[in-house]
Protein backbone atom coordinates (compact mmCIF):
# COMPACT_ATOMS: atom_id res chain seq x y z
CA UNK A 1 31.74 6.05 22.44
CA UNK A 2 33.40 9.01 20.78
CA UNK A 3 31.28 11.99 19.81
CA UNK A 4 30.71 12.46 16.12
CA UNK A 5 32.22 15.57 14.66
CA UNK A 6 30.69 17.40 11.75
CA UNK A 7 32.70 17.10 8.61
CA UNK A 8 32.67 19.89 6.13
CA UNK A 9 31.65 18.84 2.68
CA UNK A 10 33.26 20.02 -0.45
CA UNK A 11 30.86 21.50 -3.00
CA UNK A 12 29.93 19.29 -5.92
CA UNK A 13 31.72 19.85 -9.18
CA UNK A 14 29.74 21.71 -11.79
CA UNK A 15 28.70 19.47 -14.61
CA UNK A 16 29.98 20.17 -18.04
CA UNK A 17 27.45 20.47 -20.83
CA UNK A 18 26.94 17.22 -22.69
CA UNK A 19 27.94 17.39 -26.31
CA UNK A 20 27.16 14.90 -29.00
CA UNK A 21 30.26 13.08 -30.08
CA UNK A 22 30.81 12.74 -33.80
CA UNK A 23 29.40 9.43 -34.99
CA UNK A 24 31.54 6.93 -36.73
CA UNK A 25 30.48 5.53 -40.06
CA UNK A 26 29.63 2.16 -38.50
CA UNK A 27 27.47 3.77 -35.78
CA UNK A 28 25.63 5.81 -38.42
CA UNK A 29 25.09 2.69 -40.53
CA UNK A 30 23.76 0.77 -37.52
CA UNK A 31 21.31 3.57 -36.68
CA UNK A 32 20.10 3.76 -40.27
CA UNK A 33 19.66 -0.02 -40.39
CA UNK A 34 17.64 0.02 -37.16
CA UNK A 35 15.34 2.80 -38.39
CA UNK A 36 14.88 1.09 -41.75
CA UNK A 37 14.09 -2.23 -40.03
CA UNK A 38 11.45 -0.66 -37.79
CA UNK A 39 9.81 0.96 -40.81
CA UNK A 40 9.94 -2.22 -42.95
CA UNK A 41 8.42 -4.34 -40.15
CA UNK A 42 5.54 -1.87 -39.90
CA UNK A 43 6.35 -0.91 -36.33
CA UNK A 44 6.53 2.80 -37.27
CA UNK A 45 3.56 4.72 -38.60
CA UNK A 46 2.46 8.29 -39.02
CA UNK A 47 -0.29 9.34 -36.61
CA UNK A 48 -3.91 9.23 -37.84
CA UNK A 49 -5.85 12.47 -38.24
CA UNK A 50 -7.13 12.13 -34.67
CA UNK A 51 -3.54 11.78 -33.40
CA UNK A 52 -3.71 8.08 -32.53
CA UNK A 53 -1.42 5.36 -33.85
CA UNK A 54 -2.48 2.09 -35.46
CA UNK A 55 -2.63 -0.73 -32.90
CA UNK A 56 0.48 -2.51 -34.20
CA UNK A 57 2.70 0.60 -34.34
CA UNK A 58 5.26 1.19 -31.59
CA UNK A 59 7.02 4.20 -33.10
CA UNK A 60 5.85 7.52 -34.55
CA UNK A 61 7.31 8.31 -37.96
CA UNK A 62 8.18 11.96 -38.65
CA UNK A 63 9.75 13.79 -41.57
CA UNK A 64 12.38 16.39 -40.83
CA UNK A 65 12.73 19.69 -42.69
CA UNK A 66 15.40 18.17 -44.90
CA UNK A 67 13.16 15.21 -45.81
CA UNK A 68 14.93 12.73 -43.54
CA UNK A 69 12.67 10.23 -41.76
CA UNK A 70 13.03 10.00 -37.99
CA UNK A 71 11.23 7.77 -35.53
CA UNK A 72 10.32 8.19 -31.87
CA UNK A 73 9.23 5.46 -29.46
CA UNK A 74 5.54 5.82 -28.60
CA UNK A 75 4.75 2.61 -26.74
CA UNK A 76 5.80 -0.98 -26.16
CA UNK A 77 4.36 -3.95 -27.98
CA UNK A 78 2.82 -6.70 -25.88
CA UNK A 79 3.40 -10.04 -27.52
């Protein structure tokens, strides 16, 4: 059996910073439709004063500084 020789490794390439690609009009419309659907179905709610969410809510609803509504996943719904 031949003896194993140590191979020199080349250093890993440095990663480039990830940038957000400009969204197309159809991607923006799909995102807006998804957010609107979650809100209409009642799956998004603002937190209560104690910080908890209603039992049927899966997303937290937030208002941005420009008045735009955003949602963030908080938990999964068990059916």
